[in-house]
Amino acid sequence: MIASEVSSRKEALPRYLSGYGLIEAEVEHCVAALDGQEIGTQSVFRRGPIAVRDEAIAFLSHLTHPPTRLALVPLGGRWTAVLNNRRDGSDFEQQEFFSRFCQARTIRVVDHPSRFVVTGGRRWRKAYEAHMVTVRDEQGESVRTSICMNDGGRRGFQPYGGEPLAAEAGFDYGARRKRDRLTHENVLALLESLGVPQPVQQSFARADRLQLFHQEVRDAVWAAKIETAACTPQQADDPAFSLWTSAMRYVPHIQTHASSVVLYLTEALLLNGDLQPEAEPYLEAARRTLGEERFAQACAEARRRILGDEAR
């Protein structure tokens, strides 16, 4: 079952543009500075090929957590954007390392609306609205952050760090509704005031040469687990796939967590019956562990959670 998508904007942002990094340096400098750099003992950056936009999209559509692929986008002037293949949406979480490696000011931007998918007649939230700008200097030290986001149903707003940036003087930080204190338009105004020549979405739409990078995980066992859990954007947006993934985390511990296996797999099957052949061996193993009565109770709870009153 393919889930349809709705958003609080007219068109939902693709994952690779929901968050991004900005480096105040030309792309050639960034490529030379990043290639071969190590983040502790965890990972190392490896330069990949130059790609056209559609190739870069395909490259970033192999979703993982944590991210293992990056694309560098020239913005014009002395700015480069960094996108990655993080499963829940591109994010510049390792900003301070990029500042140090490139010896350049960097900006972390998170700027996306709430996003839902609709399947089985039910809306499933896939992202909460969030707007954030964090500026770091050439040594990776924090300069200023302003953040406004819906954190799991509780909206928060907080500017902190050093002196407010000049553009912040025009923002309505005292607005009654927290969601109005830092908006998408405010984020764009902040970036413009910092010298970013144009919105990343526009630059990406026109880009014809993007530099790809791999972020190789050093630990072979951990790297294999990351790749085993990799998925496509369509899978990541399918609630049944998310439930299946949750069930698989409990399968190695089925002797003590059989109820969780049954709960998540039954929920997944109610949304996507095509998973039945793959789910059957795990369900049978859980049935043997739980016994018929507890197995039936777990199935009933799954039906109640998915179908609500219809399950009665």
Protein backbone atom coordinates (compact mmCIF):
# COMPACT_ATOMS: atom_id res chain seq x y z
CA MET A 1 0.00 0.00 0.00
CA ILE A 2 1.46 3.37 -1.01
CA ALA A 3 0.65 6.12 1.43
CA SER A 4 -0.49 9.48 0.13
CA GLU A 5 1.15 12.56 1.59
CA VAL A 6 -0.28 15.76 2.99
CA SER A 7 1.48 18.76 4.48
CA SER A 8 0.74 22.16 5.96
CA ARG A 9 2.36 23.67 2.84
CA LYS A 10 0.96 23.25 -0.65
CA GLU A 11 3.83 20.92 -1.56
CA ALA A 12 5.74 18.82 0.95
CA LEU A 13 9.51 19.14 0.94
CA PRO A 14 11.45 16.06 -0.10
CA ARG A 15 13.51 14.57 2.71
CA TYR A 16 16.81 15.80 1.29
CA LEU A 17 15.67 19.44 1.58
CA SER A 18 13.96 19.38 4.98
CA GLY A 19 17.23 20.30 6.64
CA TYR A 20 20.68 21.20 5.36
CA GLY A 21 24.04 22.64 6.17
CA LEU A 22 25.69 25.75 4.75
CA ILE A 23 29.45 26.23 4.59
CA GLU A 24 30.88 29.67 3.86
CA ALA A 25 33.39 28.37 1.34
CA GLU A 26 33.43 27.43 -2.33
CA VAL A 27 32.58 23.83 -3.15
CA GLU A 28 36.11 23.07 -4.43
CA HIS A 29 37.57 24.09 -1.07
CA CYS A 30 35.02 21.98 0.80
CA VAL A 31 35.73 18.90 -1.31
CA ALA A 32 39.47 19.13 -0.72
CA ALA A 33 39.01 19.84 2.98
CA LEU A 34 36.55 16.99 3.66
CA ASP A 35 38.00 14.11 1.65
CA GLY A 36 39.65 11.63 4.03
CA GLN A 37 38.66 13.48 7.19
CA GLU A 38 37.77 11.30 10.17
CA ILE A 39 35.11 11.90 12.81
CA GLY A 40 36.84 10.34 15.77
CA THR A 41 36.99 6.58 15.32
CA GLN A 42 33.43 6.41 13.98
CA SER A 43 33.52 7.37 10.31
CA VAL A 44 35.54 8.87 7.48
CA PHE A 45 34.49 11.04 4.51
CA ARG A 46 35.27 9.62 1.06
CA ARG A 47 34.90 11.68 -2.07
CA GLY A 48 32.52 10.22 -4.67
CA PRO A 49 31.73 11.22 -8.24
CA ILE A 50 30.27 14.45 -9.58
CA ALA A 51 26.59 13.97 -10.38
CA VAL A 52 23.72 15.71 -12.10
CA ARG A 53 20.67 16.53 -10.00
CA ASP A 54 18.64 13.38 -10.76
CA GLU A 55 21.66 11.20 -9.96
CA ALA A 56 22.12 13.04 -6.67
CA ILE A 57 18.44 12.52 -5.77
CA ALA A 58 18.77 8.77 -6.45
CA PHE A 59 21.98 8.70 -4.37
CA LEU A 60 20.28 10.42 -1.42
CA SER A 61 17.17 8.25 -1.70
CA HIS A 62 19.04 5.31 -0.16
CA LEU A 63 17.95 6.25 3.35
CA THR A 64 19.89 5.27 6.46
CA HIS A 65 20.17 6.16 10.12
CA PRO A 66 22.67 7.55 10.80
CA PRO A 67 23.28 9.18 7.40
CA THR A 68 26.02 7.69 5.24
CA ARG A 69 25.77 9.77 2.04
CA LEU A 70 26.15 13.48 1.32
CA ALA A 71 25.77 15.81 -1.63
CA LEU A 72 27.52 19.18 -1.84
CA VAL A 73 25.61 21.84 -3.76
CA PRO A 74 27.32 25.05 -5.01
CA LEU A 75 25.17 28.07 -4.14
CA GLY A 76 27.20 30.74 -5.88
CA GLY A 77 29.55 33.15 -4.23
CA ARG A 78 31.40 31.60 -1.30
CA TRP A 79 28.70 29.21 -0.09
CA THR A 80 28.15 25.47 -0.35
CA ALA A 81 25.10 23.51 0.83
CA VAL A 82 25.34 20.03 2.37
CA LEU A 83 22.46 17.54 2.07
CA ASN A 84 22.42 13.97 3.38
CA ASN A 85 20.41 10.75 3.30
CA ARG A 86 19.24 10.69 6.92
CA ARG A 87 16.12 8.50 7.04
CA ASP A 88 13.92 11.02 8.84
CA GLY A 89 15.13 13.95 6.73
CA SER A 90 18.43 15.60 5.87
CA ASP A 91 20.05 17.30 8.88
CA PHE A 92 23.44 18.93 9.50
CA GLU A 93 23.87 17.37 12.95
CA GLN A 94 27.67 17.13 12.68
CA GLN A 95 27.98 20.84 11.93
CA GLU A 96 30.91 21.56 14.25
CA PHE A 97 33.13 19.03 12.44
CA PHE A 98 32.43 20.66 9.07
CA SER A 99 33.41 24.05 10.53
CA ARG A 100 36.71 22.66 11.76
CA PHE A 101 37.52 20.61 8.66
CA CYS A 102 36.71 23.46 6.25
CA GLN A 103 37.93 26.23 8.57
CA ALA A 104 34.79 28.15 7.69
CA ARG A 105 31.64 29.54 9.26
CA THR A 106 28.75 27.11 8.99
CA ILE A 107 24.98 27.26 9.43
CA ARG A 108 22.67 24.41 10.38
CA VAL A 109 19.16 24.87 9.02
CA VAL A 110 16.06 22.85 9.89
CA ASP A 111 13.05 24.27 8.07
CA HIS A 112 10.07 22.08 7.38
CA PRO A 113 6.31 21.95 8.05
CA SER A 114 4.38 19.19 9.74
CA ARG A 115 3.98 16.21 7.48
CA PHE A 116 1.50 13.35 7.52
CA VAL A 117 0.80 10.30 5.40
CA VAL A 118 -2.69 8.90 4.98
CA THR A 119 -3.20 5.17 4.71
CA GLY A 120 -6.01 2.86 5.68
CA GLY A 121 -8.21 5.93 6.20
CA ARG A 122 -5.96 7.16 9.01
CA ARG A 123 -3.42 9.97 9.24
CA TRP A 124 0.04 9.10 10.50
CA ARG A 125 2.40 11.86 11.50
CA LYS A 126 5.82 11.59 9.89
CA ALA A 127 7.31 14.94 10.96
CA TYR A 128 6.58 17.78 13.36
CA GLU A 129 6.97 21.38 12.18
CA ALA A 130 10.43 22.75 12.96
CA HIS A 131 12.42 25.90 12.18
CA MET A 132 15.97 26.31 13.42
CA VAL A 133 19.11 28.23 12.51
CA THR A 134 22.44 27.56 14.27
CA VAL A 135 25.57 29.53 13.36
CA ARG A 136 29.06 28.24 14.25
CA ASP A 137 32.42 29.90 13.66
CA GLU A 138 35.54 28.52 11.94
CA GLN A 139 36.51 26.54 15.06
CA GLY A 140 33.07 24.99 15.41
CA GLU A 141 32.09 27.14 18.38
CA SER A 142 28.43 28.09 18.67
CA VAL A 143 27.68 31.73 17.78
CA ARG A 144 23.88 31.89 17.81
CA THR A 145 20.86 29.60 17.67
CA SER A 146 17.19 30.34 17.20
CA ILE A 147 14.75 27.46 17.30
CA CYS A 148 10.98 27.08 17.14
CA MET A 149 9.52 23.60 16.86
CA ASN A 150 6.70 21.28 17.75
CA ASP A 151 8.48 18.77 19.96
CA GLY A 152 6.14 15.79 20.05
CA GLY A 153 3.01 17.90 20.54
CA ARG A 154 4.56 20.55 22.76
CA ARG A 155 5.67 23.66 20.91
CA GLY A 156 8.88 25.30 22.07
CA PHE A 157 10.73 28.48 21.19
CA GLN A 158 14.19 29.55 22.30
CA PRO A 159 16.83 31.91 20.92
CA TYR A 160 20.16 31.55 22.71
CA GLY A 161 23.90 31.97 22.37
CA GLY A 162 25.70 35.23 21.74
CA GLU A 163 24.32 38.56 20.62
CA PRO A 164 21.18 38.40 18.45
CA LEU A 165 21.81 38.54 14.72
CA ALA A 166 20.85 41.81 13.04
CA ALA A 167 17.86 40.30 11.23
CA GLU A 168 16.32 39.08 14.49
CA ALA A 169 15.41 42.65 15.43
CA GLY A 170 12.56 42.47 12.92
CA PHE A 171 11.12 39.17 14.17
CA ASP A 172 8.06 38.97 16.40
CA TYR A 173 9.66 37.02 19.24
CA GLY A 174 6.86 38.17 21.53
CA ALA A 175 4.03 36.80 19.38
CA ARG A 176 1.22 35.18 21.36
CA ARG A 177 1.48 31.95 19.37
CA LYS A 178 4.93 30.39 19.62
CA ARG A 179 4.66 29.09 16.07
CA ASP A 180 4.68 32.71 14.84
CA ARG A 181 7.92 33.65 16.61
CA LEU A 182 10.23 31.97 14.08
CA THR A 183 8.74 31.08 10.71
CA HIS A 184 9.94 29.79 7.35
CA GLU A 185 10.05 33.38 6.12
CA ASN A 186 12.15 34.36 9.15
CA VAL A 187 14.61 31.57 8.41
CA LEU A 188 15.07 32.82 4.84
CA ALA A 189 15.54 36.38 6.10
CA LEU A 190 18.21 35.22 8.56
CA LEU A 191 20.10 33.37 5.83
CA GLU A 192 19.95 36.36 3.51
CA SER A 193 21.29 38.62 6.26
CA LEU A 194 24.22 36.21 6.75
CA GLY A 195 25.15 36.47 3.09
CA VAL A 196 23.65 33.28 1.68
CA PRO A 197 22.98 34.26 -1.96
CA GLN A 198 19.73 32.34 -2.55
CA PRO A 199 17.46 29.71 -0.98
CA VAL A 200 18.89 26.20 -1.13
CA GLN A 201 15.73 24.82 -2.74
CA GLN A 202 16.17 27.16 -5.71
CA SER A 203 19.87 26.39 -6.04
CA PHE A 204 19.25 22.66 -5.92
CA ALA A 205 16.53 22.87 -8.57
CA ARG A 206 19.01 24.52 -10.95
CA ALA A 207 22.13 22.57 -10.00
CA ASP A 208 23.72 20.47 -12.73
CA ARG A 209 26.97 19.48 -10.97
CA LEU A 210 26.86 18.18 -7.41
CA GLN A 211 29.71 16.54 -5.54
CA LEU A 212 28.79 13.27 -3.86
CA PHE A 213 30.43 11.91 -0.73
CA HIS A 214 30.23 8.70 1.28
CA GLN A 215 30.54 8.80 5.06
CA GLU A 216 32.00 5.37 5.71
CA VAL A 217 31.29 3.81 9.11
CA ARG A 218 34.48 2.18 10.39
CA ASP A 219 32.94 -0.57 12.51
CA ALA A 220 32.03 -3.35 10.06
CA VAL A 221 29.30 -4.84 12.26
CA TRP A 222 27.63 -1.48 12.83
CA ALA A 223 27.96 -0.60 9.13
CA ALA A 224 26.24 -3.86 8.19
CA LYS A 225 23.36 -3.16 10.58
CA ILE A 226 22.90 0.31 9.10
CA GLU A 227 22.73 -1.10 5.58
CA THR A 228 20.36 -3.88 6.60
CA ALA A 229 17.94 -1.23 7.90
CA ALA A 230 18.31 1.02 4.84
CA CYS A 231 15.13 1.82 2.94
CA THR A 232 13.61 3.92 0.18
CA PRO A 233 11.58 7.12 0.74
CA GLN A 234 8.44 5.18 -0.19
CA GLN A 235 9.15 2.57 2.47
CA ALA A 236 10.01 5.20 5.08
CA ASP A 237 6.64 6.87 4.42
CA ASP A 238 4.68 3.61 4.69
CA PRO A 239 3.41 3.15 8.28
CA ALA A 240 3.33 -0.60 7.71
CA PHE A 241 7.06 -0.58 6.95
CA SER A 242 7.76 1.43 10.10
CA LEU A 243 5.79 -1.07 12.17
CA TRP A 244 7.60 -3.95 10.48
CA THR A 245 10.94 -2.34 11.32
CA SER A 246 9.86 -1.98 14.95
CA ALA A 247 8.93 -5.67 15.06
CA MET A 248 12.28 -6.73 13.61
CA ARG A 249 14.08 -5.00 16.47
CA TYR A 250 12.37 -7.41 18.88
CA VAL A 251 12.74 -10.60 16.83
CA PRO A 252 16.25 -11.42 18.16
CA HIS A 253 14.74 -11.23 21.67
CA ILE A 254 11.52 -13.06 20.86
CA GLN A 255 11.75 -15.33 23.90
CA THR A 256 11.26 -12.32 26.20
CA HIS A 257 9.52 -9.87 23.84
CA ALA A 258 7.15 -12.07 21.85
CA SER A 259 4.15 -9.82 22.61
CA SER A 260 5.89 -6.85 21.00
CA VAL A 261 6.64 -8.92 17.90
CA VAL A 262 2.98 -9.92 17.60
CA LEU A 263 1.72 -6.41 18.30
CA TYR A 264 3.83 -4.66 15.66
CA LEU A 265 3.54 -7.37 13.01
CA THR A 266 -0.23 -7.60 13.35
CA GLU A 267 -0.51 -3.80 13.07
CA ALA A 268 1.67 -3.91 9.95
CA LEU A 269 -0.47 -6.66 8.39
CA LEU A 270 -3.66 -4.70 9.02
CA LEU A 271 -2.20 -1.89 6.91
CA ASN A 272 -0.41 -4.02 4.32
CA GLY A 273 -1.54 -7.61 3.91
CA ASP A 274 1.18 -8.27 1.32
CA LEU A 275 3.60 -8.71 4.24
CA GLN A 276 1.79 -11.87 5.43
CA PRO A 277 4.18 -14.47 3.90
CA GLU A 278 7.22 -12.77 5.46
CA ALA A 279 5.50 -12.25 8.82
CA GLU A 280 4.11 -15.76 9.25
CA PRO A 281 7.30 -17.50 10.54
CA TYR A 282 7.83 -14.79 13.18
CA LEU A 283 4.19 -14.91 14.26
CA GLU A 284 4.29 -18.68 14.60
CA ALA A 285 7.45 -18.47 16.72
CA ALA A 286 5.76 -15.87 18.92
CA ARG A 287 2.63 -18.06 19.19
CA ARG A 288 4.73 -20.96 20.47
CA THR A 289 6.39 -18.69 23.03
CA LEU A 290 3.21 -16.99 24.27
CA GLY A 291 0.62 -19.73 24.00
CA GLU A 292 -2.76 -19.28 22.32
CA GLU A 293 -4.40 -17.06 24.93
CA ARG A 294 -1.64 -14.44 25.23
CA PHE A 295 -1.09 -14.54 21.46
CA ALA A 296 -4.78 -13.76 20.88
CA GLN A 297 -4.63 -10.92 23.42
CA ALA A 298 -1.70 -9.32 21.60
CA CYS A 299 -3.50 -9.63 18.25
CA ALA A 300 -6.64 -8.07 19.72
CA GLU A 301 -4.64 -5.14 21.12
CA ALA A 302 -3.09 -4.55 17.66
CA ARG A 303 -6.53 -4.54 16.03
CA ARG A 304 -7.80 -2.10 18.64
CA ARG A 305 -4.89 0.26 18.06
CA ILE A 306 -5.31 0.26 14.29
CA LEU A 307 -9.05 -0.14 13.85
CA GLY A 308 -10.37 1.49 17.02
CA ASP A 309 -14.10 0.89 17.50
CA GLU A 310 -14.20 -1.26 14.34
CA ALA A 311 -12.19 -3.93 16.16
CA ARG A 312 -14.99 -4.55 18.65
